[in-house]
Amino acid sequence: MACGQSLVTTLEAIRMVVTGSTYREVEDKLDIAPSTISGIMDRREQYLSVSKNG
């Protein structure tokens, strides 16, 4: 997971960005740094694959 974030939090960050939230809005709601959100989005297919298979 990204910097110790739970899979649930990581998936919520992905959902928020995909549905139109800004990185700042995600940061405010989930307390995740924008640089971490960027990394999550870069690897989102991996996270989504794990959530479907896990």
N, C-alpha and C. Protein backbone atom coordinates (compact mmCIF):
# COMPACT_ATOMS: atom_id res chain seq x y z
N MET A 1 0.83 -1.17 0.00
CA MET A 1 0.00 0.00 0.00
C MET A 1 0.88 1.25 0.00
N ALA A 2 0.29 2.31 -0.39
CA ALA A 2 1.00 3.58 -0.46
C ALA A 2 1.26 4.10 0.95
N CYS A 3 2.52 4.20 1.32
CA CYS A 3 2.93 4.80 2.60
C CYS A 3 2.10 4.34 3.79
N GLY A 4 1.80 3.06 3.86
CA GLY A 4 1.08 2.52 5.00
C GLY A 4 -0.42 2.71 4.97
N GLN A 5 -0.96 3.22 3.88
CA GLN A 5 -2.41 3.39 3.77
C GLN A 5 -3.07 2.02 3.62
N SER A 6 -4.26 1.88 4.16
CA SER A 6 -4.98 0.63 3.98
C SER A 6 -5.50 0.55 2.54
N LEU A 7 -5.78 -0.66 2.10
CA LEU A 7 -6.31 -0.85 0.75
C LEU A 7 -7.64 -0.10 0.61
N VAL A 8 -8.46 -0.11 1.64
CA VAL A 8 -9.75 0.58 1.59
C VAL A 8 -9.54 2.07 1.36
N THR A 9 -8.60 2.67 2.07
CA THR A 9 -8.32 4.10 1.90
C THR A 9 -7.75 4.39 0.52
N THR A 10 -6.86 3.52 0.06
CA THR A 10 -6.26 3.68 -1.26
C THR A 10 -7.34 3.61 -2.34
N LEU A 11 -8.24 2.64 -2.23
CA LEU A 11 -9.32 2.52 -3.21
C LEU A 11 -10.27 3.71 -3.15
N GLU A 12 -10.50 4.23 -1.97
CA GLU A 12 -11.35 5.42 -1.83
C GLU A 12 -10.68 6.62 -2.51
N ALA A 13 -9.37 6.76 -2.37
CA ALA A 13 -8.65 7.85 -3.04
C ALA A 13 -8.81 7.72 -4.56
N ILE A 14 -8.66 6.52 -5.07
CA ILE A 14 -8.84 6.29 -6.52
C ILE A 14 -10.26 6.66 -6.93
N ARG A 15 -11.24 6.19 -6.18
CA ARG A 15 -12.64 6.48 -6.51
C ARG A 15 -12.90 7.98 -6.54
N MET A 16 -12.37 8.67 -5.55
CA MET A 16 -12.59 10.11 -5.48
C MET A 16 -12.00 10.83 -6.69
N VAL A 17 -10.77 10.49 -7.05
CA VAL A 17 -10.12 11.16 -8.18
C VAL A 17 -10.85 10.83 -9.49
N VAL A 18 -11.20 9.56 -9.67
CA VAL A 18 -11.88 9.14 -10.90
C VAL A 18 -13.23 9.83 -11.04
N THR A 19 -13.89 10.11 -9.93
CA THR A 19 -15.20 10.74 -10.00
C THR A 19 -15.14 12.27 -9.94
N GLY A 20 -13.93 12.82 -10.03
CA GLY A 20 -13.81 14.26 -10.19
C GLY A 20 -13.24 15.06 -9.04
N SER A 21 -12.90 14.43 -7.94
CA SER A 21 -12.31 15.18 -6.83
C SER A 21 -10.88 15.58 -7.18
N THR A 22 -10.47 16.73 -6.67
CA THR A 22 -9.09 17.16 -6.85
C THR A 22 -8.20 16.44 -5.83
N TYR A 23 -6.91 16.46 -6.09
CA TYR A 23 -5.97 15.86 -5.13
C TYR A 23 -6.10 16.58 -3.79
N ARG A 24 -6.34 17.87 -3.81
CA ARG A 24 -6.49 18.64 -2.57
C ARG A 24 -7.71 18.16 -1.78
N GLU A 25 -8.81 17.89 -2.47
CA GLU A 25 -10.01 17.39 -1.80
C GLU A 25 -9.76 16.01 -1.19
N VAL A 26 -9.03 15.17 -1.93
CA VAL A 26 -8.68 13.85 -1.41
C VAL A 26 -7.78 14.00 -0.19
N GLU A 27 -6.81 14.89 -0.28
CA GLU A 27 -5.91 15.14 0.84
C GLU A 27 -6.69 15.57 2.08
N ASP A 28 -7.61 16.50 1.90
CA ASP A 28 -8.40 17.01 3.03
C ASP A 28 -9.27 15.93 3.66
N LYS A 29 -9.87 15.07 2.85
CA LYS A 29 -10.78 14.05 3.37
C LYS A 29 -10.04 12.85 3.94
N LEU A 30 -8.98 12.39 3.24
CA LEU A 30 -8.33 11.13 3.63
C LEU A 30 -6.96 11.31 4.27
N ASP A 31 -6.49 12.55 4.37
CA ASP A 31 -5.18 12.84 4.97
C ASP A 31 -4.06 12.10 4.24
N ILE A 32 -4.06 12.20 2.92
CA ILE A 32 -3.02 11.61 2.08
C ILE A 32 -2.38 12.75 1.30
N ALA A 33 -1.06 12.82 1.30
CA ALA A 33 -0.34 13.87 0.58
C ALA A 33 -0.58 13.77 -0.92
N PRO A 34 -0.64 14.91 -1.60
CA PRO A 34 -0.84 14.88 -3.05
C PRO A 34 0.19 14.04 -3.79
N SER A 35 1.42 14.03 -3.34
CA SER A 35 2.44 13.21 -4.00
C SER A 35 2.12 11.72 -3.86
N THR A 36 1.56 11.34 -2.73
CA THR A 36 1.15 9.94 -2.52
C THR A 36 -0.04 9.62 -3.41
N ILE A 37 -0.98 10.54 -3.51
CA ILE A 37 -2.14 10.33 -4.39
C ILE A 37 -1.68 10.14 -5.83
N SER A 38 -0.71 10.93 -6.25
CA SER A 38 -0.17 10.80 -7.60
C SER A 38 0.40 9.40 -7.82
N GLY A 39 1.14 8.90 -6.84
CA GLY A 39 1.69 7.54 -6.93
C GLY A 39 0.60 6.49 -6.97
N ILE A 40 -0.44 6.69 -6.17
CA ILE A 40 -1.57 5.77 -6.16
C ILE A 40 -2.20 5.73 -7.55
N MET A 41 -2.40 6.90 -8.13
CA MET A 41 -3.03 6.97 -9.45
C MET A 41 -2.13 6.34 -10.53
N ASP A 42 -0.83 6.49 -10.39
CA ASP A 42 0.09 5.86 -11.34
C ASP A 42 -0.02 4.34 -11.29
N ARG A 43 -0.32 3.80 -10.10
CA ARG A 43 -0.40 2.34 -9.91
C ARG A 43 -1.82 1.84 -9.71
N ARG A 44 -2.81 2.63 -10.09
CA ARG A 44 -4.21 2.29 -9.79
C ARG A 44 -4.63 0.94 -10.35
N GLU A 45 -4.14 0.57 -11.52
CA GLU A 45 -4.52 -0.73 -12.09
C GLU A 45 -4.06 -1.87 -11.19
N GLN A 46 -2.89 -1.73 -10.58
CA GLN A 46 -2.39 -2.75 -9.66
C GLN A 46 -3.29 -2.83 -8.43
N TYR A 47 -3.65 -1.68 -7.87
CA TYR A 47 -4.52 -1.68 -6.70
C TYR A 47 -5.89 -2.26 -7.01
N LEU A 48 -6.43 -1.91 -8.16
CA LEU A 48 -7.74 -2.44 -8.53
C LEU A 48 -7.68 -3.93 -8.78
N SER A 49 -6.58 -4.41 -9.33
CA SER A 49 -6.40 -5.84 -9.56
C SER A 49 -6.34 -6.60 -8.23
N VAL A 50 -5.60 -6.05 -7.27
CA VAL A 50 -5.50 -6.68 -5.95
C VAL A 50 -6.86 -6.71 -5.28
N SER A 51 -7.63 -5.64 -5.41
CA SER A 51 -8.94 -5.61 -4.75
C SER A 51 -9.91 -6.62 -5.34
N LYS A 52 -9.79 -6.89 -6.62
CA LYS A 52 -10.67 -7.87 -7.28
C LYS A 52 -10.25 -9.30 -6.96
N ASN A 53 -8.94 -9.52 -6.78
CA ASN A 53 -8.42 -10.86 -6.56
C ASN A 53 -8.21 -11.18 -5.09
N GLY A 54 -8.27 -10.17 -4.25
CA GLY A 54 -7.94 -10.37 -2.85
C GLY A 54 -9.10 -10.55 -2.00
